[in-house]
């Protein structure tokens, strides 16, 4: 997953855990299938080499779009690597964002691809689809 570190709490609680929990039984795996760099990166190694290594092993790159993402050099570099490796890229919108603040790559994906959406219901961010549908799509892509 590609996301700004500012969104760490949201990603871990609202995305990583439920997605990983739904994906593991579907695939028949007991290990984590969703990659979060800080957990999979090898300490002391070159950061870009580690991004590349993890992205190479991934079937789908999920990009968590938020206002902070647009200004992150690392986020944009990770997206560049995913595109170079020709990985399917799925945008996940955490909130309403000004898409024009983001790179041309993000804008193109936004205009041409179905996105994972979160929205507020009763002051709480809620997934607008189901994790089952997300997992099904990921498996068809990868």
Foldseek 3Di string as FASTA:
>chain_A
DFEDPVCVVCCVPVNQVVLQVLQCVVVVHPDGQDDDQVVQADPPDDPLVSLLVVLLVHQEAEYEDDQVLQVDPVSVSSVVSNVVSVHHYAYEYQEDDDQVSHDPVSVVCVVPDDHFYWDDDPNDTDTPDDSNVVSVVSVVRD
